[in-house]
Protein backbone atom coordinates (compact mmCIF):
# COMPACT_ATOMS: atom_id res chain seq x y z
CA MET A 1 64.48 -167.20 -63.55
CA PHE A 2 67.46 -167.24 -61.86
CA PRO A 3 70.45 -167.93 -64.16
CA VAL A 4 72.07 -171.30 -63.83
CA ILE A 5 75.54 -169.86 -63.66
CA ARG A 6 74.80 -167.91 -60.56
CA GLN A 7 73.41 -170.85 -59.04
CA GLN A 8 76.46 -172.94 -59.68
CA LEU A 9 78.69 -169.88 -58.52
CA ILE A 10 76.95 -169.70 -55.38
CA ALA A 11 77.20 -173.46 -54.73
CA ALA A 12 81.00 -173.17 -55.43
CA LEU A 13 81.21 -170.41 -53.04
CA SER A 14 79.18 -171.85 -50.30
CA ASP A 15 81.93 -173.24 -48.39
CA GLY A 16 83.39 -170.10 -47.43
CA GLN A 17 86.98 -170.76 -48.60
CA PHE A 18 88.94 -168.73 -51.47
CA HIS A 19 88.25 -169.65 -55.09
CA SER A 20 90.56 -168.08 -57.72
CA GLY A 21 88.82 -166.28 -60.51
CA ALA A 22 90.29 -168.45 -63.48
CA LEU A 23 89.34 -171.72 -61.44
CA LEU A 24 85.98 -170.42 -61.14
CA ALA A 25 85.95 -169.67 -64.55
CA GLU A 26 87.18 -173.05 -65.84
CA GLN A 27 84.94 -174.92 -63.76
CA LEU A 28 81.89 -172.90 -64.83
CA GLY A 29 82.79 -172.65 -68.52
CA VAL A 30 82.74 -168.66 -68.64
CA SER A 31 85.47 -166.14 -68.86
CA ARG A 32 86.94 -164.43 -65.84
CA ALA A 33 85.36 -161.21 -66.75
CA ALA A 34 81.67 -162.93 -66.34
CA ILE A 35 82.86 -164.45 -63.14
CA HIS A 36 83.63 -160.79 -62.16
CA ASN A 37 80.15 -159.29 -63.37
CA HIS A 38 78.27 -162.41 -61.81
CA ILE A 39 80.29 -162.01 -58.35
CA GLU A 40 79.23 -157.91 -58.70
CA SER A 41 75.49 -159.15 -59.24
CA LEU A 42 75.36 -161.58 -56.27
CA GLU A 43 76.89 -158.66 -53.96
CA GLU A 44 73.88 -156.66 -54.93
CA MET A 45 71.68 -159.42 -54.15
CA GLY A 46 73.32 -159.43 -50.34
CA LEU A 47 76.11 -161.67 -50.26
CA ASP A 48 79.12 -160.43 -48.26
CA LEU A 49 82.26 -161.25 -50.50
CA TYR A 50 85.66 -160.75 -49.84
CA ARG A 51 88.42 -160.46 -52.84
CA VAL A 52 91.88 -160.80 -52.23
CA LYS A 53 94.78 -160.43 -54.77
CA GLY A 54 96.29 -163.92 -55.53
CA LYS A 55 93.44 -165.64 -53.62
CA GLY A 56 90.30 -164.80 -55.34
CA TYR A 57 86.95 -164.66 -54.07
CA ARG A 58 85.22 -165.94 -50.73
CA LEU A 59 82.15 -165.65 -48.81
CA SER A 60 82.31 -163.94 -45.41
CA ARG A 61 80.78 -166.87 -43.96
CA PRO A 62 79.96 -170.54 -45.38
CA LEU A 63 76.32 -171.11 -46.79
CA SER A 64 73.70 -173.54 -45.89
CA LEU A 65 71.87 -173.94 -49.43
CA LEU A 66 68.38 -175.52 -49.61
CA THR A 67 68.33 -179.02 -51.62
CA PRO A 68 65.58 -181.28 -52.23
CA GLU A 69 67.30 -184.14 -50.94
CA ALA A 70 68.06 -182.53 -47.65
CA LEU A 71 64.54 -181.16 -47.45
CA ALA A 72 62.93 -184.56 -48.15
CA ALA A 73 64.96 -186.36 -44.97
CA GLU A 74 61.44 -186.40 -43.23
CA ALA A 75 59.01 -187.61 -45.53
CA ARG A 76 55.78 -185.27 -45.87
CA PRO A 77 53.03 -186.33 -47.87
CA ALA A 78 52.17 -182.85 -49.15
CA PRO A 79 54.31 -181.30 -52.17
CA LEU A 80 57.18 -178.96 -51.32
CA HIS A 81 58.07 -176.40 -54.18
CA LEU A 82 61.75 -175.11 -53.83
CA PHE A 83 62.86 -172.47 -55.71
CA TRP A 84 66.09 -170.22 -56.27
CA GLN A 85 64.32 -167.15 -56.80
CA VAL A 86 60.31 -166.11 -56.67
CA GLU A 87 58.53 -162.94 -56.18
CA SER A 88 57.20 -164.09 -53.09
CA THR A 89 56.49 -167.51 -51.59
CA ASN A 90 53.17 -166.57 -50.05
CA GLY A 91 52.15 -165.12 -53.48
CA TYR A 92 53.20 -168.30 -55.09
CA MET A 93 51.11 -170.27 -52.69
CA LEU A 94 47.94 -168.01 -53.16
CA GLU A 95 48.25 -168.45 -56.73
CA ARG A 96 48.04 -172.47 -56.23
CA ALA A 97 45.36 -172.20 -53.11
CA LYS A 98 42.43 -173.75 -55.47
CA ARG A 99 44.54 -176.83 -56.14
CA ALA A 100 46.64 -177.01 -53.05
CA VAL A 101 46.13 -179.27 -50.43
CA ASN A 102 46.81 -179.28 -46.81
CA GLY A 103 50.37 -179.03 -45.74
CA GLU A 104 51.69 -178.01 -49.12
CA ALA A 105 54.81 -175.42 -49.07
CA CYS A 106 56.96 -173.58 -50.84
CA LEU A 107 60.68 -172.53 -49.95
CA ALA A 108 62.89 -170.17 -51.83
CA GLU A 109 66.57 -168.88 -51.55
CA MET A 110 65.50 -165.36 -52.79
CA GLN A 111 62.38 -163.29 -53.03
CA THR A 112 62.24 -160.22 -55.19
CA SER A 113 58.93 -159.07 -53.83
CA GLY A 114 59.03 -160.25 -50.02
CA ARG A 115 55.85 -158.85 -48.37
CA GLY A 116 55.38 -158.23 -44.37
CA ARG A 117 52.07 -157.02 -42.56
CA ARG A 118 50.61 -153.95 -43.46
CA GLY A 119 52.27 -153.57 -46.80
CA ARG A 120 55.82 -153.51 -45.50
CA THR A 121 58.79 -154.90 -47.61
CA TRP A 122 60.42 -158.12 -45.80
CA VAL A 123 64.40 -157.75 -47.04
CA SER A 124 64.92 -161.09 -48.65
CA PRO A 125 68.87 -161.42 -49.28
CA ILE A 126 69.58 -164.70 -51.28
CA ALA A 127 70.58 -167.82 -49.64
CA SER A 128 70.60 -166.22 -46.03
CA HIS A 129 67.41 -166.65 -44.49
CA LEU A 130 64.53 -168.81 -44.51
CA TYR A 131 61.45 -167.72 -46.67
CA LEU A 132 58.62 -170.32 -46.42
CA SER A 133 55.00 -170.36 -47.06
CA TYR A 134 52.58 -173.38 -46.20
CA PHE A 135 48.91 -173.79 -47.03
CA TRP A 136 46.03 -174.90 -45.18
CA ARG A 137 42.23 -175.18 -46.02
CA LEU A 138 40.25 -174.93 -43.03
CA ASP A 139 36.62 -176.48 -43.49
CA GLN A 140 35.13 -174.38 -40.83
CA GLY A 141 35.46 -171.15 -42.82
CA LEU A 142 36.89 -167.67 -42.17
CA ALA A 143 35.36 -167.22 -38.36
CA ALA A 144 37.57 -170.32 -37.39
CA ALA A 145 40.74 -168.69 -38.71
CA ALA A 146 40.76 -166.01 -35.80
CA GLY A 147 44.08 -165.89 -33.83
CA LEU A 148 45.96 -168.24 -36.27
CA SER A 149 48.89 -165.89 -36.57
CA LEU A 150 49.36 -166.34 -32.43
CA ALA A 151 48.84 -169.88 -32.69
CA VAL A 152 51.83 -170.28 -35.44
CA GLY A 153 54.11 -168.09 -33.55
CA VAL A 154 53.99 -170.48 -30.90
CA VAL A 155 54.40 -173.33 -33.13
CA LEU A 156 57.64 -171.55 -34.79
CA CYS A 157 58.97 -170.99 -31.39
CA GLU A 158 58.82 -174.87 -30.43
CA ALA A 159 60.33 -175.72 -33.92
CA LEU A 160 63.28 -173.46 -32.83
CA GLU A 161 63.59 -174.75 -29.40
CA SER A 162 63.26 -178.25 -30.71
CA LEU A 163 66.82 -177.41 -32.34
CA GLY A 164 68.37 -175.80 -28.96
CA VAL A 165 67.47 -172.29 -29.63
CA GLU A 166 66.59 -170.42 -26.00
CA GLY A 167 65.60 -166.87 -25.33
CA LEU A 168 62.70 -166.98 -27.61
CA SER A 169 59.75 -164.70 -27.23
CA LEU A 170 56.53 -163.23 -29.13
CA LYS A 171 55.39 -159.92 -29.62
CA TRP A 172 51.44 -159.64 -30.42
CA PRO A 173 50.40 -160.38 -33.07
CA ASN A 174 52.99 -162.34 -35.22
CA ASP A 175 56.67 -161.54 -34.46
CA ILE A 176 59.23 -163.82 -32.81
CA TYR A 177 61.75 -162.02 -30.79
CA LEU A 178 65.54 -163.36 -29.83
CA GLY A 179 67.23 -161.77 -27.09
CA GLY A 180 64.77 -158.86 -27.41
CA LYS A 181 65.30 -158.42 -30.99
CA LYS A 182 63.31 -159.45 -33.82
CA LEU A 183 64.20 -162.80 -35.20
CA ALA A 184 61.05 -163.88 -37.35
CA GLY A 185 57.85 -162.65 -38.67
CA ILE A 186 54.59 -164.23 -39.92
CA LEU A 187 51.94 -163.09 -42.66
CA VAL A 188 48.80 -164.78 -42.74
CA GLU A 189 46.73 -164.26 -45.80
CA VAL A 190 43.30 -165.26 -45.78
CA SER A 191 40.85 -166.02 -48.68
CA GLY A 192 37.47 -167.68 -49.18
CA GLN A 193 33.78 -166.50 -48.76
CA GLN A 194 31.48 -166.59 -45.65
CA GLY A 195 29.91 -169.65 -44.87
CA GLU A 196 32.25 -171.68 -47.02
CA ALA A 197 35.77 -173.60 -46.37
CA CYS A 198 38.62 -170.69 -46.33
CA GLU A 199 41.96 -171.15 -47.80
CA LEU A 200 45.18 -169.92 -45.11
CA VAL A 201 48.79 -168.89 -46.83
CA ILE A 202 50.97 -168.75 -43.85
CA GLY A 203 54.29 -166.89 -44.62
CA CYS A 204 57.49 -167.34 -42.05
CA GLY A 205 60.42 -165.08 -42.64
CA VAL A 206 63.40 -166.23 -40.00
CA ASN A 207 66.82 -164.49 -40.02
CA VAL A 208 69.54 -167.23 -40.41
CA SER A 209 72.61 -165.40 -41.20
CA MET A 210 72.21 -161.75 -41.86
CA PRO A 211 74.59 -159.82 -44.44
CA GLU A 212 76.12 -157.00 -43.10
CA SER A 213 75.43 -155.29 -46.33
CA ILE A 214 71.67 -155.83 -45.64
CA ALA A 215 71.98 -155.01 -41.96
CA ASN A 216 72.10 -151.47 -42.60
CA ARG A 217 68.51 -151.18 -44.43
CA ILE A 218 66.65 -152.42 -41.44
CA ASP A 219 65.28 -149.80 -39.25
CA GLN A 220 64.79 -151.89 -35.81
CA PRO A 221 66.77 -154.33 -33.75
CA TRP A 222 67.24 -157.82 -35.51
CA ALA A 223 68.42 -161.04 -34.34
CA ASP A 224 69.50 -163.99 -36.47
CA LEU A 225 70.54 -167.82 -35.94
CA SER A 226 74.13 -167.47 -36.74
CA GLY A 227 74.93 -166.61 -32.96
CA GLU A 228 73.25 -170.05 -32.11
CA TRP A 229 75.08 -172.24 -34.72
CA GLU A 230 78.46 -171.71 -36.18
CA ILE A 231 76.84 -172.83 -39.63
CA PRO A 232 72.74 -172.77 -39.39
CA ASP A 233 71.52 -175.63 -41.48
CA ARG A 234 68.56 -174.10 -42.86
CA ASN A 235 67.52 -177.48 -44.21
CA GLN A 236 67.12 -178.86 -40.99
CA LEU A 237 65.39 -175.87 -39.69
CA ALA A 238 62.97 -175.60 -42.31
CA ARG A 239 62.20 -179.71 -41.95
CA ALA A 240 61.47 -178.67 -38.26
CA ILE A 241 59.18 -176.04 -39.19
CA LEU A 242 57.38 -177.82 -41.60
CA THR A 243 56.69 -180.97 -38.94
CA HIS A 244 55.51 -178.63 -36.06
CA LEU A 245 53.34 -176.68 -38.62
CA ASP A 246 51.62 -179.99 -40.01
CA GLN A 247 51.09 -181.07 -35.96
CA GLY A 248 50.32 -177.20 -35.14
CA LEU A 249 47.54 -177.12 -38.06
CA LEU A 250 46.09 -179.97 -37.10
CA ALA A 251 45.43 -178.89 -33.54
CA PHE A 252 44.38 -175.59 -34.55
CA GLU A 253 41.82 -177.10 -37.01
CA GLN A 254 40.31 -179.29 -34.39
CA GLU A 255 40.79 -177.00 -31.02
CA GLY A 256 41.21 -173.53 -32.47
CA LEU A 257 43.41 -171.00 -30.46
CA ALA A 258 42.76 -172.61 -27.03
CA PRO A 259 45.66 -175.04 -26.71
CA PHE A 260 48.10 -172.27 -27.82
CA VAL A 261 46.78 -169.59 -25.59
CA GLU A 262 48.98 -170.50 -22.44
CA ARG A 263 51.98 -171.31 -24.61
CA TRP A 264 51.73 -167.86 -26.02
CA GLN A 265 51.57 -166.24 -22.70
CA GLN A 266 54.56 -167.74 -21.41
CA ARG A 267 56.64 -166.54 -24.14
CA ASP A 268 54.79 -162.94 -24.13
CA GLN A 269 57.75 -160.25 -25.14
CA PHE A 270 55.75 -157.32 -23.37
CA ALA A 271 53.77 -159.00 -20.61
CA ASN A 272 52.90 -156.41 -18.08
CA ARG A 273 55.46 -153.63 -19.52
CA PRO A 274 54.07 -150.31 -20.43
CA VAL A 275 53.53 -150.06 -24.25
CA LYS A 276 51.83 -148.00 -26.89
CA LEU A 277 49.61 -149.45 -29.39
CA LEU A 278 49.04 -147.77 -32.78
CA LEU A 279 45.58 -147.86 -34.33
CA GLY A 280 45.18 -146.10 -37.45
CA SER A 281 46.26 -142.40 -36.62
CA GLN A 282 45.25 -143.11 -32.82
CA THR A 283 47.93 -144.04 -30.19
CA LEU A 284 47.01 -145.66 -27.19
CA GLU A 285 49.28 -145.99 -23.86
CA GLY A 286 48.63 -148.70 -21.39
CA VAL A 287 50.09 -151.79 -19.88
CA ALA A 288 50.13 -155.25 -21.81
CA ARG A 289 48.27 -158.00 -20.16
CA GLY A 290 48.58 -160.87 -22.75
CA ILE A 291 45.79 -162.27 -24.85
CA ASP A 292 42.33 -163.42 -24.26
CA GLN A 293 41.03 -166.81 -25.59
CA GLN A 294 40.30 -165.24 -29.16
CA GLY A 295 43.80 -164.18 -29.36
CA HIS A 296 42.96 -160.34 -28.79
CA LEU A 297 45.21 -157.94 -27.08
CA LEU A 298 44.48 -157.04 -23.17
CA LEU A 299 45.86 -153.63 -22.67
CA ALA A 300 45.20 -152.01 -19.49
CA LEU A 301 44.45 -148.37 -19.88
CA PRO A 302 45.45 -145.22 -17.62
CA ASP A 303 41.91 -144.95 -16.29
CA GLY A 304 41.95 -148.31 -14.87
CA THR A 305 39.76 -150.49 -17.66
CA VAL A 306 41.35 -153.34 -19.59
CA LYS A 307 40.21 -153.31 -23.27
CA ARG A 308 40.26 -155.88 -26.08
CA PHE A 309 41.96 -155.06 -29.39
CA ALA A 310 42.06 -157.22 -32.42
CA GLY A 311 43.06 -156.92 -36.12
CA GLY A 312 45.97 -156.85 -38.51
CA GLU A 313 46.12 -153.08 -38.53
CA LEU A 314 47.30 -152.74 -35.03
CA SER A 315 51.00 -152.17 -34.36
CA LEU A 316 52.67 -152.67 -30.95
CA ARG A 317 55.87 -150.63 -29.85
CA ALA A 318 57.52 -150.91 -26.32
CA ARG A 319 57.50 -147.45 -24.81
CA ASP A 320 60.88 -146.12 -24.01
């Protein structure tokens, strides 16, 4: 459980203005020493804070906090769960999978054990990015889920583009780039038995406003949305993504990957570029030729052949 006092402190500081320790202590009904201790805890969670004698504390930039009221501005029939802190939004939805309904989703201000593909950690500073997981039950079964992460990539791009974001591209199989740097990642987790309906949990992590203290921990070029909007509205972003996921998953359920292939190809970050493909301990070099109708990567090898590759164990990196 995320302490209420810290929720209140973040809300008080979210305007990006200076607040004195004495006034914060009075407003929140605690001592100045307690305020100081909570400020240090928030810094450890990834918030960039300034301290100026005689002025107090302020965030390096204002925050857009998620609220039930703002998220409900566009009515959806499916439940929406909002938390200050969870281990993982995907983990929460996986636990609910047997009783969840299509379109049910979870959002959190912070993840303590956010996950990326292949067991990687997804760095999740508090109240800075968007951590969203979405549920869908696919009656056609496991085989029908092939290529879903590519379809979701298209859906996320179109949601961002609807808000005016330009310069987006897709990296096979599940990353979104902005200006050639990673902006967002997708983690699709599937459960179910062969021949039965399968349960899909789609995790979306979008960099909104990267704290400087967190940026130093990331080992690849990254982008965030703070350059697109002065104060990114995370509620508006979440609503746009949920709306596009509702429409996109219905289309995917009815038609599979087919209606998304061309839209994916149009945004292919590595189209016709030399690449390295990591497959377990093996490294292959070639030229990326997009995807086929099943979402497999097409790789033109030095011997002139074009081979298809599929599976979550693949990792793609541009060659220098």
